Structures are given as structure tokens and as C-alpha cells.
PDB file of all heavy atoms in Angstrom:
ATOM      1  N   VAL A   1      -6.723  10.136  -1.640  1.00  0.00           N
ATOM      2  CA  VAL A   1      -7.906   9.342  -2.124  1.00  0.00           C
ATOM      3  C   VAL A   1      -8.840  10.084  -3.143  1.00  0.00           C
ATOM      4  O   VAL A   1      -9.199   9.501  -4.128  1.00  0.00           O
ATOM      5  CB  VAL A   1      -8.717   8.840  -0.908  1.00  0.00           C
ATOM      6  CG1 VAL A   1      -9.967   8.203  -1.334  1.00  0.00           C
ATOM      7  CG2 VAL A   1      -7.840   7.864  -0.126  1.00  0.00           C
ATOM      8  N   GLU A   2      -9.079  11.300  -2.874  1.00  0.00           N
ATOM      9  CA  GLU A   2      -9.933  12.149  -3.650  1.00  0.00           C
ATOM     10  C   GLU A   2      -9.348  12.224  -5.086  1.00  0.00           C
ATOM     11  O   GLU A   2     -10.036  12.196  -6.076  1.00  0.00           O
ATOM     12  CB  GLU A   2     -10.307  13.406  -2.977  1.00  0.00           C
ATOM     13  CG  GLU A   2     -11.176  13.320  -1.847  1.00  0.00           C
ATOM     14  CD  GLU A   2     -11.268  14.605  -1.066  1.00  0.00           C
ATOM     15  OE1 GLU A   2     -10.683  15.668  -1.508  1.00  0.00           O
ATOM     16  OE2 GLU A   2     -12.152  14.695  -0.131  1.00  0.00           O
ATOM     17  N   GLU A   3      -8.054  12.623  -5.106  1.00  0.00           N
ATOM     18  CA  GLU A   3      -7.423  12.725  -6.437  1.00  0.00           C
ATOM     19  C   GLU A   3      -7.350  11.516  -7.231  1.00  0.00           C
ATOM     20  O   GLU A   3      -7.657  11.482  -8.485  1.00  0.00           O
ATOM     21  CB  GLU A   3      -5.930  13.342  -6.188  1.00  0.00           C
ATOM     22  CG  GLU A   3      -5.821  14.642  -5.696  1.00  0.00           C
ATOM     23  CD  GLU A   3      -4.485  15.103  -5.294  1.00  0.00           C
ATOM     24  OE1 GLU A   3      -3.585  14.271  -5.465  1.00  0.00           O
ATOM     25  OE2 GLU A   3      -4.267  16.260  -4.952  1.00  0.00           O
ATOM     26  N   ILE A   4      -7.137  10.350  -6.627  1.00  0.00           N
ATOM     27  CA  ILE A   4      -7.064   9.053  -7.388  1.00  0.00           C
ATOM     28  C   ILE A   4      -8.422   8.623  -7.840  1.00  0.00           C
ATOM     29  O   ILE A   4      -8.566   8.165  -8.899  1.00  0.00           O
ATOM     30  CB  ILE A   4      -6.332   8.058  -6.497  1.00  0.00           C
ATOM     31  CG1 ILE A   4      -4.842   8.446  -6.189  1.00  0.00           C
ATOM     32  CG2 ILE A   4      -6.450   6.668  -7.057  1.00  0.00           C
ATOM     33  CD1 ILE A   4      -4.183   7.538  -5.166  1.00  0.00           C
ATOM     34  N   LYS A   5      -9.507   8.889  -6.972  1.00  0.00           N
ATOM     35  CA  LYS A   5     -10.742   8.525  -7.303  1.00  0.00           C
ATOM     36  C   LYS A   5     -11.263   9.278  -8.507  1.00  0.00           C
ATOM     37  O   LYS A   5     -12.238   8.926  -9.166  1.00  0.00           O
ATOM     38  CB  LYS A   5     -11.729   8.628  -6.205  1.00  0.00           C
ATOM     39  CG  LYS A   5     -11.562   7.504  -5.130  1.00  0.00           C
ATOM     40  CD  LYS A   5     -12.717   7.576  -4.016  1.00  0.00           C
ATOM     41  CE  LYS A   5     -12.654   6.448  -3.160  1.00  0.00           C
ATOM     42  NZ  LYS A   5     -13.630   6.484  -2.035  1.00  0.00           N
ATOM     43  N   ALA A   6     -10.735  10.528  -8.572  1.00  0.00           N
ATOM     44  CA  ALA A   6     -11.183  11.340  -9.785  1.00  0.00           C
ATOM     45  C   ALA A   6     -10.620  10.940 -11.054  1.00  0.00           C
ATOM     46  O   ALA A   6     -10.984  11.521 -12.082  1.00  0.00           O
ATOM     47  CB  ALA A   6     -10.824  12.881  -9.405  1.00  0.00           C
ATOM     48  N   THR A   7      -9.704   9.950 -11.127  1.00  0.00           N
ATOM     49  CA  THR A   7      -9.181   9.499 -12.354  1.00  0.00           C
ATOM     50  C   THR A   7     -10.097   8.389 -12.985  1.00  0.00           C
ATOM     51  O   THR A   7     -11.046   8.010 -12.290  1.00  0.00           O
ATOM     52  CB  THR A   7      -7.761   8.966 -12.119  1.00  0.00           C
ATOM     53  OG1 THR A   7      -7.793   7.765 -11.355  1.00  0.00           O
ATOM     54  CG2 THR A   7      -6.854   9.924 -11.386  1.00  0.00           C
ATOM     55  N   ASP A   8      -9.712   7.868 -14.169  1.00  0.00           N
ATOM     56  CA  ASP A   8     -10.519   6.885 -14.919  1.00  0.00           C
ATOM     57  C   ASP A   8      -9.833   5.561 -14.652  1.00  0.00           C
ATOM     58  O   ASP A   8     -10.168   4.627 -15.341  1.00  0.00           O
ATOM     59  CB  ASP A   8     -10.407   7.180 -16.388  1.00  0.00           C
ATOM     60  CG  ASP A   8     -11.202   8.551 -16.750  1.00  0.00           C
ATOM     61  OD1 ASP A   8     -12.130   8.809 -15.997  1.00  0.00           O
ATOM     62  OD2 ASP A   8     -10.765   9.138 -17.722  1.00  0.00           O
ATOM     63  N   ALA A   9      -8.981   5.506 -13.639  1.00  0.00           N
ATOM     64  CA  ALA A   9      -8.366   4.170 -13.340  1.00  0.00           C
ATOM     65  C   ALA A   9      -9.390   3.174 -12.801  1.00  0.00           C
ATOM     66  O   ALA A   9     -10.422   3.484 -12.296  1.00  0.00           O
ATOM     67  CB  ALA A   9      -7.291   4.376 -12.275  1.00  0.00           C
ATOM     68  N   SER A  10      -9.044   1.852 -12.980  1.00  0.00           N
ATOM     69  CA  SER A  10      -9.923   0.766 -12.583  1.00  0.00           C
ATOM     70  C   SER A  10      -9.840   0.681 -11.076  1.00  0.00           C
ATOM     71  O   SER A  10      -8.853   1.175 -10.466  1.00  0.00           O
ATOM     72  CB  SER A  10      -9.440  -0.525 -13.269  1.00  0.00           C
ATOM     73  OG  SER A  10      -8.097  -0.849 -12.789  1.00  0.00           O
ATOM     74  N   PRO A  11     -10.831  -0.038 -10.400  1.00  0.00           N
ATOM     75  CA  PRO A  11     -10.685  -0.124  -8.968  1.00  0.00           C
ATOM     76  C   PRO A  11      -9.330  -0.773  -8.470  1.00  0.00           C
ATOM     77  O   PRO A  11      -8.808  -0.388  -7.510  1.00  0.00           O
ATOM     78  CB  PRO A  11     -11.899  -1.050  -8.666  1.00  0.00           C
ATOM     79  CG  PRO A  11     -12.792  -0.747  -9.750  1.00  0.00           C
ATOM     80  CD  PRO A  11     -11.994  -0.457 -10.941  1.00  0.00           C
ATOM     81  N   GLN A  12      -8.954  -1.742  -9.270  1.00  0.00           N
ATOM     82  CA  GLN A  12      -7.581  -2.333  -8.896  1.00  0.00           C
ATOM     83  C   GLN A  12      -6.493  -1.394  -8.920  1.00  0.00           C
ATOM     84  O   GLN A  12      -5.658  -1.427  -8.058  1.00  0.00           O
ATOM     85  CB  GLN A  12      -7.371  -3.594  -9.797  1.00  0.00           C
ATOM     86  CG  GLN A  12      -6.045  -4.420  -9.390  1.00  0.00           C
ATOM     87  CD  GLN A  12      -5.955  -5.642 -10.236  1.00  0.00           C
ATOM     88  OE1 GLN A  12      -6.680  -5.781 -11.294  1.00  0.00           O
ATOM     89  NE2 GLN A  12      -5.017  -6.466  -9.853  1.00  0.00           N
ATOM     90  N   GLU A  13      -6.472  -0.667 -10.031  1.00  0.00           N
ATOM     91  CA  GLU A  13      -5.353   0.382 -10.214  1.00  0.00           C
ATOM     92  C   GLU A  13      -5.431   1.403  -9.185  1.00  0.00           C
ATOM     93  O   GLU A  13      -4.428   1.921  -8.662  1.00  0.00           O
ATOM     94  CB  GLU A  13      -5.451   0.938 -11.563  1.00  0.00           C
ATOM     95  CG  GLU A  13      -5.095  -0.050 -12.710  1.00  0.00           C
ATOM     96  CD  GLU A  13      -5.247   0.517 -14.150  1.00  0.00           C
ATOM     97  OE1 GLU A  13      -6.211   1.469 -14.155  1.00  0.00           O
ATOM     98  OE2 GLU A  13      -4.639   0.164 -15.070  1.00  0.00           O
ATOM     99  N   MET A  14      -6.641   1.837  -8.831  1.00  0.00           N
ATOM    100  CA  MET A  14      -6.899   2.811  -7.750  1.00  0.00           C
ATOM    101  C   MET A  14      -6.372   2.319  -6.418  1.00  0.00           C
ATOM    102  O   MET A  14      -5.610   3.074  -5.641  1.00  0.00           O
ATOM    103  CB  MET A  14      -8.381   3.153  -7.565  1.00  0.00           C
ATOM    104  CG  MET A  14      -8.905   3.977  -8.631  1.00  0.00           C
ATOM    105  SD  MET A  14     -10.661   4.506  -8.340  1.00  0.00           S
ATOM    106  CE  MET A  14     -11.020   5.505  -9.772  1.00  0.00           C
ATOM    107  N   GLY A  15      -6.661   1.062  -6.122  1.00  0.00           N
ATOM    108  CA  GLY A  15      -6.187   0.465  -4.816  1.00  0.00           C
ATOM    109  C   GLY A  15      -4.568   0.424  -4.782  1.00  0.00           C
ATOM    110  O   GLY A  15      -4.048   0.873  -3.755  1.00  0.00           O
ATOM    111  N   LYS A  16      -3.961   0.145  -5.858  1.00  0.00           N
ATOM    112  CA  LYS A  16      -2.540   0.142  -5.860  1.00  0.00           C
ATOM    113  C   LYS A  16      -2.022   1.559  -5.735  1.00  0.00           C
ATOM    114  O   LYS A  16      -0.998   1.865  -5.073  1.00  0.00           O
ATOM    115  CB  LYS A  16      -1.951  -0.397  -7.156  1.00  0.00           C
ATOM    116  CG  LYS A  16      -2.226  -2.003  -7.298  1.00  0.00           C
ATOM    117  CD  LYS A  16      -1.656  -2.495  -8.661  1.00  0.00           C
ATOM    118  CE  LYS A  16      -1.866  -4.052  -8.696  1.00  0.00           C
ATOM    119  NZ  LYS A  16      -1.354  -4.565  -9.931  1.00  0.00           N
ATOM    120  N   ALA A  17      -2.625   2.520  -6.490  1.00  0.00           N
ATOM    121  CA  ALA A  17      -2.232   3.893  -6.450  1.00  0.00           C
ATOM    122  C   ALA A  17      -2.390   4.555  -5.149  1.00  0.00           C
ATOM    123  O   ALA A  17      -1.435   5.284  -4.616  1.00  0.00           O
ATOM    124  CB  ALA A  17      -2.996   4.760  -7.390  1.00  0.00           C
ATOM    125  N   ILE A  18      -3.518   4.231  -4.380  1.00  0.00           N
ATOM    126  CA  ILE A  18      -3.724   4.679  -3.066  1.00  0.00           C
ATOM    127  C   ILE A  18      -2.730   4.076  -2.055  1.00  0.00           C
ATOM    128  O   ILE A  18      -2.068   4.933  -1.262  1.00  0.00           O
ATOM    129  CB  ILE A  18      -5.192   4.360  -2.612  1.00  0.00           C
ATOM    130  CG1 ILE A  18      -6.192   5.235  -3.368  1.00  0.00           C
ATOM    131  CG2 ILE A  18      -5.274   4.636  -1.074  1.00  0.00           C
ATOM    132  CD1 ILE A  18      -7.615   4.822  -3.098  1.00  0.00           C
ATOM    133  N   ALA A  19      -2.357   2.860  -2.124  1.00  0.00           N
ATOM    134  CA  ALA A  19      -1.428   2.201  -1.273  1.00  0.00           C
ATOM    135  C   ALA A  19      -0.037   2.844  -1.485  1.00  0.00           C
ATOM    136  O   ALA A  19       0.652   3.090  -0.544  1.00  0.00           O
ATOM    137  CB  ALA A  19      -1.374   0.790  -1.657  1.00  0.00           C
ATOM    138  N   LEU A  20       0.272   3.170  -2.870  1.00  0.00           N
ATOM    139  CA  LEU A  20       1.565   3.767  -3.081  1.00  0.00           C
ATOM    140  C   LEU A  20       1.653   5.153  -2.488  1.00  0.00           C
ATOM    141  O   LEU A  20       2.619   5.607  -1.844  1.00  0.00           O
ATOM    142  CB  LEU A  20       1.811   3.853  -4.632  1.00  0.00           C
ATOM    143  CG  LEU A  20       3.160   4.555  -5.034  1.00  0.00           C
ATOM    144  CD1 LEU A  20       4.420   3.784  -4.412  1.00  0.00           C
ATOM    145  CD2 LEU A  20       3.158   4.586  -6.597  1.00  0.00           C
ATOM    146  N   ARG A  21       0.560   5.957  -2.611  1.00  0.00           N
ATOM    147  CA  ARG A  21       0.495   7.297  -2.107  1.00  0.00           C
ATOM    148  C   ARG A  21       0.618   7.317  -0.611  1.00  0.00           C
ATOM    149  O   ARG A  21       1.219   8.252   0.032  1.00  0.00           O
ATOM    150  CB  ARG A  21      -0.727   8.044  -2.640  1.00  0.00           C
ATOM    151  CG  ARG A  21      -0.735   8.420  -4.078  1.00  0.00           C
ATOM    152  CD  ARG A  21       0.323   9.595  -4.309  1.00  0.00           C
ATOM    153  NE  ARG A  21      -0.243  10.913  -3.645  1.00  0.00           N
ATOM    154  CZ  ARG A  21      -1.208  11.528  -4.268  1.00  0.00           C
ATOM    155  NH1 ARG A  21      -1.700  11.347  -5.482  1.00  0.00           N
ATOM    156  NH2 ARG A  21      -1.498  12.688  -3.735  1.00  0.00           N
ATOM    157  N   VAL A  22      -0.117   6.380   0.043  1.00  0.00           N
ATOM    158  CA  VAL A  22      -0.032   6.341   1.585  1.00  0.00           C
ATOM    159  C   VAL A  22       1.483   6.102   1.913  1.00  0.00           C
ATOM    160  O   VAL A  22       1.887   6.592   2.977  1.00  0.00           O
ATOM    161  CB  VAL A  22      -0.946   5.233   2.021  1.00  0.00           C
ATOM    162  CG1 VAL A  22      -0.688   4.896   3.461  1.00  0.00           C
ATOM    163  CG2 VAL A  22      -2.400   5.603   1.834  1.00  0.00           C
ATOM    164  N   GLU A  23       2.147   5.226   1.338  1.00  0.00           N
ATOM    165  CA  GLU A  23       3.569   4.899   1.580  1.00  0.00           C
ATOM    166  C   GLU A  23       4.317   6.121   1.465  1.00  0.00           C
ATOM    167  O   GLU A  23       5.208   6.430   2.227  1.00  0.00           O
ATOM    168  CB  GLU A  23       3.948   3.661   0.809  1.00  0.00           C
ATOM    169  CG  GLU A  23       5.455   3.340   1.124  1.00  0.00           C
ATOM    170  CD  GLU A  23       5.866   2.110   0.332  1.00  0.00           C
ATOM    171  OE1 GLU A  23       5.058   1.583  -0.449  1.00  0.00           O
ATOM    172  OE2 GLU A  23       7.135   1.805   0.413  1.00  0.00           O
ATOM    173  N   GLN A  24       4.127   6.819   0.380  1.00  0.00           N
ATOM    174  CA  GLN A  24       4.901   8.048  -0.013  1.00  0.00           C
ATOM    175  C   GLN A  24       4.710   9.134   1.049  1.00  0.00           C
ATOM    176  O   GLN A  24       5.601   9.863   1.543  1.00  0.00           O
ATOM    177  CB  GLN A  24       4.575   8.578  -1.373  1.00  0.00           C
ATOM    178  CG  GLN A  24       5.065   7.695  -2.454  1.00  0.00           C
ATOM    179  CD  GLN A  24       4.525   8.040  -3.833  1.00  0.00           C
ATOM    180  OE1 GLN A  24       3.525   8.847  -3.933  1.00  0.00           O
ATOM    181  NE2 GLN A  24       5.228   7.746  -4.882  1.00  0.00           N
ATOM    182  N   ILE A  25       3.340   9.230   1.510  1.00  0.00           N
ATOM    183  CA  ILE A  25       3.051  10.183   2.544  1.00  0.00           C
ATOM    184  C   ILE A  25       3.652   9.873   3.855  1.00  0.00           C
ATOM    185  O   ILE A  25       4.211  10.695   4.527  1.00  0.00           O
ATOM    186  CB  ILE A  25       1.445  10.255   2.740  1.00  0.00           C
ATOM    187  CG1 ILE A  25       0.791  10.878   1.502  1.00  0.00           C
ATOM    188  CG2 ILE A  25       1.092  10.994   3.990  1.00  0.00           C
ATOM    189  CD1 ILE A  25      -0.770  10.788   1.482  1.00  0.00           C
ATOM    190  N   SER A  26       3.782   8.627   4.190  1.00  0.00           N
ATOM    191  CA  SER A  26       4.454   8.133   5.518  1.00  0.00           C
ATOM    192  C   SER A  26       5.926   8.530   5.521  1.00  0.00           C
ATOM    193  O   SER A  26       6.438   8.830   6.356  1.00  0.00           O
ATOM    194  CB  SER A  26       4.189   6.645   5.695  1.00  0.00           C
ATOM    195  OG  SER A  26       2.781   6.329   5.846  1.00  0.00           O
ATOM    196  N   ASP A  27       6.505   8.215   4.181  1.00  0.00           N
ATOM    197  CA  ASP A  27       7.952   8.571   4.147  1.00  0.00           C
ATOM    198  C   ASP A  27       8.163  10.015   4.275  1.00  0.00           C
ATOM    199  O   ASP A  27       9.122  10.416   4.849  1.00  0.00           O
ATOM    200  CB  ASP A  27       8.437   7.983   2.761  1.00  0.00           C
ATOM    201  CG  ASP A  27       8.576   6.524   2.658  1.00  0.00           C
ATOM    202  OD1 ASP A  27       8.517   5.807   3.701  1.00  0.00           O
ATOM    203  OD2 ASP A  27       8.566   6.024   1.455  1.00  0.00           O
ATOM    204  N   TYR A  28       7.364  10.855   3.656  1.00  0.00           N
ATOM    205  CA  TYR A  28       7.378  12.288   3.700  1.00  0.00           C
ATOM    206  C   TYR A  28       7.294  12.734   5.135  1.00  0.00           C
ATOM    207  O   TYR A  28       8.148  13.636   5.647  1.00  0.00           O
ATOM    208  CB  TYR A  28       6.258  12.837   2.832  1.00  0.00           C
ATOM    209  CG  TYR A  28       6.182  14.349   3.067  1.00  0.00           C
ATOM    210  CD1 TYR A  28       7.011  15.245   2.603  1.00  0.00           C
ATOM    211  CD2 TYR A  28       4.980  14.829   3.831  1.00  0.00           C
ATOM    212  CE1 TYR A  28       6.882  16.693   2.746  1.00  0.00           C
ATOM    213  CE2 TYR A  28       4.747  16.221   4.069  1.00  0.00           C
ATOM    214  CZ  TYR A  28       5.681  17.135   3.477  1.00  0.00           C
ATOM    215  OH  TYR A  28       5.547  18.477   3.794  1.00  0.00           O
ATOM    216  N   LEU A  29       6.269  12.222   5.912  1.00  0.00           N
ATOM    217  CA  LEU A  29       6.054  12.731   7.231  1.00  0.00           C
ATOM    218  C   LEU A  29       7.164  12.157   8.148  1.00  0.00           C
ATOM    219  O   LEU A  29       7.637  12.907   9.128  1.00  0.00           O
ATOM    220  CB  LEU A  29       4.725  12.191   7.805  1.00  0.00           C
ATOM    221  CG  LEU A  29       3.510  12.740   7.108  1.00  0.00           C
ATOM    222  CD1 LEU A  29       2.194  12.154   7.573  1.00  0.00           C
ATOM    223  CD2 LEU A  29       3.498  14.335   7.445  1.00  0.00           C
ATOM    224  N   ASP A  30       7.649  10.966   7.859  1.00  0.00           N
ATOM    225  CA  ASP A  30       8.734  10.385   8.761  1.00  0.00           C
ATOM    226  C   ASP A  30      10.046  11.161   8.661  1.00  0.00           C
ATOM    227  O   ASP A  30      10.825  11.204   9.612  1.00  0.00           O
ATOM    228  CB  ASP A  30       8.964   8.942   8.395  1.00  0.00           C
ATOM    229  CG  ASP A  30       7.913   8.074   8.874  1.00  0.00           C
ATOM    230  OD1 ASP A  30       7.035   8.526   9.645  1.00  0.00           O
ATOM    231  OD2 ASP A  30       7.914   6.915   8.412  1.00  0.00           O
ATOM    232  N   LYS A  31      10.256  11.957   7.548  1.00  0.00           N
ATOM    233  CA  LYS A  31      11.447  12.657   7.397  1.00  0.00           C
ATOM    234  C   LYS A  31      11.438  13.771   8.376  1.00  0.00           C
ATOM    235  O   LYS A  31      12.548  14.399   8.808  1.00  0.00           O
ATOM    236  CB  LYS A  31      11.570  13.253   5.990  1.00  0.00           C
ATOM    237  CG  LYS A  31      11.891  12.204   4.943  1.00  0.00           C
ATOM    238  CD  LYS A  31      12.105  12.830   3.440  1.00  0.00           C
ATOM    239  CE  LYS A  31      12.327  11.835   2.475  1.00  0.00           C
ATOM    240  NZ  LYS A  31      13.399  10.929   2.768  1.00  0.00           N
ATOM    241  N   ALA A  32      10.333  14.277   8.920  1.00  0.00           N
ATOM    242  CA  ALA A  32      10.210  15.330   9.805  1.00  0.00           C
ATOM    243  C   ALA A  32      10.693  14.868  11.209  1.00  0.00           C
ATOM    244  O   ALA A  32      11.057  15.687  12.102  1.00  0.00           O
ATOM    245  CB  ALA A  32       8.842  15.815   9.988  1.00  0.00           C
TER     246      ALA A  32
END
């Protein structure tokens, strides 16, 4: 969230980026 908020993306783009990163994090953790 901190990394994405630090960008110049619009609120809508930030929301999509955060959702994508959350999904990627879940996939990464689930591999364990």
C-alpha cells in the first residue's frame, strides 16, 4: 500500500494495483 500510494497513479489505478498486489501476496504465501 505504501509503495503504490507513493506513485502518481490515480485513486482508481491505485485501487486496482493494490488489489492485484494483495492477490499476488496471497499466492506467494499460499505456496508455503
